[in-house]
Amino acid sequence: MTGLIEVEVTCPDEESARQIARAALDARLVACANILPGVESLFHWQGQIDSETEVLLRMKAPDARFDRLCTVIAAHHPYELPAITALPLAAIGPGVADWVATECQDANT
């Protein structure tokens, strides 16, 4: 394992995804963020199946930053319950792990 994770959260629009990404980048919790609009989400919510077009936000980070990143996401996210998930990055291209670690080195764990 690399010690890195890819964190995902859906957002209602590009602006909220951008605000969350900026807050995470400013805090040096993530090295990069990708904003992918036009994601169709289907989910159970308040006793019914709902559907929304959302924006997927993906961010690469050291796994030690996950708890703090969740706090930052929740503070900037408009949803009552943002669906924050993280997957370990089992492999990553040469130099990328070092780049992520360097870009996130100023964050407090």
C-alpha atoms as a PDB file:
ATOM      1  CA  MET A   1       0.000   0.000   0.000  1.00  0.00           C
ATOM      2  CA  THR A   2       1.054   3.577  -0.615  1.00  0.00           C
ATOM      3  CA  GLY A   3      -0.384   5.242   2.500  1.00  0.00           C
ATOM      4  CA  LEU A   4      -2.496   7.360   0.165  1.00  0.00           C
ATOM      5  CA  ILE A   5      -6.244   7.501  -0.315  1.00  0.00           C
ATOM      6  CA  GLU A   6      -8.659   8.861  -2.871  1.00  0.00           C
ATOM      7  CA  VAL A   7     -11.517  10.599  -1.098  1.00  0.00           C
ATOM      8  CA  GLU A   8     -14.841  11.067  -2.866  1.00  0.00           C
ATOM      9  CA  VAL A   9     -17.898  13.098  -2.004  1.00  0.00           C
ATOM     10  CA  THR A  10     -20.879  14.099  -4.127  1.00  0.00           C
ATOM     11  CA  CYS A  11     -21.915  17.751  -4.192  1.00  0.00           C
ATOM     12  CA  PRO A  12     -25.045  19.477  -5.469  1.00  0.00           C
ATOM     13  CA  ASP A  13     -23.140  21.732  -7.896  1.00  0.00           C
ATOM     14  CA  GLU A  14     -19.700  22.673  -9.195  1.00  0.00           C
ATOM     15  CA  GLU A  15     -19.430  25.743  -6.972  1.00  0.00           C
ATOM     16  CA  SER A  16     -19.846  23.786  -3.731  1.00  0.00           C
ATOM     17  CA  ALA A  17     -17.367  21.154  -4.986  1.00  0.00           C
ATOM     18  CA  ARG A  18     -14.910  23.932  -5.836  1.00  0.00           C
ATOM     19  CA  GLN A  19     -15.306  25.538  -2.387  1.00  0.00           C
ATOM     20  CA  ILE A  20     -14.664  22.222  -0.628  1.00  0.00           C
ATOM     21  CA  ALA A  21     -11.668  21.477  -2.857  1.00  0.00           C
ATOM     22  CA  ARG A  22     -10.187  24.934  -2.200  1.00  0.00           C
ATOM     23  CA  ALA A  23     -10.652  24.591   1.558  1.00  0.00           C
ATOM     24  CA  ALA A  24      -8.946  21.177   1.524  1.00  0.00           C
ATOM     25  CA  LEU A  25      -6.113  22.453  -0.677  1.00  0.00           C
ATOM     26  CA  ASP A  26      -5.655  25.605   1.432  1.00  0.00           C
ATOM     27  CA  ALA A  27      -5.371  23.439   4.563  1.00  0.00           C
ATOM     28  CA  ARG A  28      -2.813  21.204   2.774  1.00  0.00           C
ATOM     29  CA  LEU A  29      -4.984  18.165   3.455  1.00  0.00           C
ATOM     30  CA  VAL A  30      -5.001  17.097  -0.201  1.00  0.00           C
ATOM     31  CA  ALA A  31      -2.557  17.434  -3.067  1.00  0.00           C
ATOM     32  CA  CYS A  32      -5.150  17.685  -5.820  1.00  0.00           C
ATOM     33  CA  ALA A  33      -8.854  17.615  -6.539  1.00  0.00           C
ATOM     34  CA  ASN A  34     -10.901  16.576  -9.563  1.00  0.00           C
ATOM     35  CA  ILE A  35     -14.409  17.917 -10.146  1.00  0.00           C
ATOM     36  CA  LEU A  36     -16.601  15.688 -12.307  1.00  0.00           C
ATOM     37  CA  PRO A  37     -20.022  17.176 -13.143  1.00  0.00           C
ATOM     38  CA  GLY A  38     -23.044  15.287 -14.419  1.00  0.00           C
ATOM     39  CA  VAL A  39     -23.051  12.272 -12.093  1.00  0.00           C
ATOM     40  CA  GLU A  40     -26.448  10.636 -11.664  1.00  0.00           C
ATOM     41  CA  SER A  41     -26.985   9.523  -8.065  1.00  0.00           C
ATOM     42  CA  LEU A  42     -29.784   7.246  -6.863  1.00  0.00           C
ATOM     43  CA  PHE A  43     -30.180   6.736  -3.123  1.00  0.00           C
ATOM     44  CA  HIS A  44     -32.487   6.049  -0.209  1.00  0.00           C
ATOM     45  CA  TRP A  45     -33.390   9.240   1.668  1.00  0.00           C
ATOM     46  CA  GLN A  46     -36.118   9.870   4.226  1.00  0.00           C
ATOM     47  CA  GLY A  47     -38.109   6.749   3.383  1.00  0.00           C
ATOM     48  CA  GLN A  48     -38.008   6.943  -0.395  1.00  0.00           C
ATOM     49  CA  ILE A  49     -35.695   6.340  -3.326  1.00  0.00           C
ATOM     50  CA  ASP A  50     -34.460   9.643  -4.678  1.00  0.00           C
ATOM     51  CA  SER A  51     -32.397  10.652  -7.697  1.00  0.00           C
ATOM     52  CA  GLU A  52     -30.264  13.738  -8.335  1.00  0.00           C
ATOM     53  CA  THR A  53     -27.739  14.973 -10.850  1.00  0.00           C
ATOM     54  CA  GLU A  54     -24.682  15.792  -8.783  1.00  0.00           C
ATOM     55  CA  VAL A  55     -21.004  16.650  -9.054  1.00  0.00           C
ATOM     56  CA  LEU A  56     -18.386  14.141  -7.899  1.00  0.00           C
ATOM     57  CA  LEU A  57     -15.379  15.569  -6.076  1.00  0.00           C
ATOM     58  CA  ARG A  58     -12.272  13.338  -5.886  1.00  0.00           C
ATOM     59  CA  MET A  59      -9.190  14.244  -3.866  1.00  0.00           C
ATOM     60  CA  LYS A  60      -5.859  12.499  -3.281  1.00  0.00           C
ATOM     61  CA  ALA A  61      -4.433  12.642   0.236  1.00  0.00           C
ATOM     62  CA  PRO A  62      -2.294  10.829   2.794  1.00  0.00           C
ATOM     63  CA  ASP A  63      -4.514   8.437   4.750  1.00  0.00           C
ATOM     64  CA  ALA A  64      -3.529  10.177   8.012  1.00  0.00           C
ATOM     65  CA  ARG A  65      -5.422  13.281   6.828  1.00  0.00           C
ATOM     66  CA  PHE A  66      -8.795  11.540   6.441  1.00  0.00           C
ATOM     67  CA  ASP A  67     -10.413  12.559   9.749  1.00  0.00           C
ATOM     68  CA  ARG A  68      -9.413  16.195   9.408  1.00  0.00           C
ATOM     69  CA  LEU A  69     -10.496  16.202   5.759  1.00  0.00           C
ATOM     70  CA  CYS A  70     -13.934  14.876   6.777  1.00  0.00           C
ATOM     71  CA  THR A  71     -14.245  17.787   9.220  1.00  0.00           C
ATOM     72  CA  VAL A  72     -13.355  20.319   6.500  1.00  0.00           C
ATOM     73  CA  ILE A  73     -15.757  18.730   4.008  1.00  0.00           C
ATOM     74  CA  ALA A  74     -18.622  18.728   6.528  1.00  0.00           C
ATOM     75  CA  ALA A  75     -17.955  22.374   7.440  1.00  0.00           C
ATOM     76  CA  HIS A  76     -18.230  23.504   3.800  1.00  0.00           C
ATOM     77  CA  HIS A  77     -20.795  21.037   2.436  1.00  0.00           C
ATOM     78  CA  PRO A  78     -24.444  22.103   2.028  1.00  0.00           C
ATOM     79  CA  TYR A  79     -25.855  18.583   2.546  1.00  0.00           C
ATOM     80  CA  GLU A  80     -27.083  17.442   5.953  1.00  0.00           C
ATOM     81  CA  LEU A  81     -25.174  14.172   5.484  1.00  0.00           C
ATOM     82  CA  PRO A  82     -22.416  14.341   2.858  1.00  0.00           C
ATOM     83  CA  ALA A  83     -21.489  10.863   1.598  1.00  0.00           C
ATOM     84  CA  ILE A  84     -17.719  10.922   2.166  1.00  0.00           C
ATOM     85  CA  THR A  85     -15.848   7.774   1.152  1.00  0.00           C
ATOM     86  CA  ALA A  86     -12.181   6.898   0.791  1.00  0.00           C
ATOM     87  CA  LEU A  87     -10.376   4.100  -0.982  1.00  0.00           C
ATOM     88  CA  PRO A  88      -6.740   3.163  -0.420  1.00  0.00           C
ATOM     89  CA  LEU A  89      -4.517   3.640  -3.452  1.00  0.00           C
ATOM     90  CA  ALA A  90      -2.820   0.256  -3.808  1.00  0.00           C
ATOM     91  CA  ALA A  91      -0.499   1.536  -6.518  1.00  0.00           C
ATOM     92  CA  ILE A  92       0.360   4.931  -7.936  1.00  0.00           C
ATOM     93  CA  GLY A  93       2.631   6.209 -10.706  1.00  0.00           C
ATOM     94  CA  PRO A  94       6.323   6.928 -10.105  1.00  0.00           C
ATOM     95  CA  GLY A  95       6.890  10.124  -8.144  1.00  0.00           C
ATOM     96  CA  VAL A  96       3.211  10.754  -7.434  1.00  0.00           C
ATOM     97  CA  ALA A  97       3.311   9.447  -3.855  1.00  0.00           C
ATOM     98  CA  ASP A  98       6.253  11.733  -3.078  1.00  0.00           C
ATOM     99  CA  TRP A  99       4.450  14.677  -4.673  1.00  0.00           C
ATOM    100  CA  VAL A 100       1.303  14.068  -2.588  1.00  0.00           C
ATOM    101  CA  ALA A 101       3.376  13.759   0.597  1.00  0.00           C
ATOM    102  CA  THR A 102       5.295  16.960  -0.204  1.00  0.00           C
ATOM    103  CA  GLU A 103       2.168  18.974  -0.981  1.00  0.00           C
ATOM    104  CA  CYS A 104       0.450  17.814   2.216  1.00  0.00           C
ATOM    105  CA  GLN A 105       3.425  18.109   4.568  1.00  0.00           C
ATOM    106  CA  ASP A 106       2.294  21.354   6.227  1.00  0.00           C
ATOM    107  CA  ALA A 107      -1.053  19.947   7.360  1.00  0.00           C
ATOM    108  CA  ASN A 108      -1.519  19.106  11.015  1.00  0.00           C
ATOM    109  CA  THR A 109      -2.549  15.502  11.549  1.00  0.00           C
END
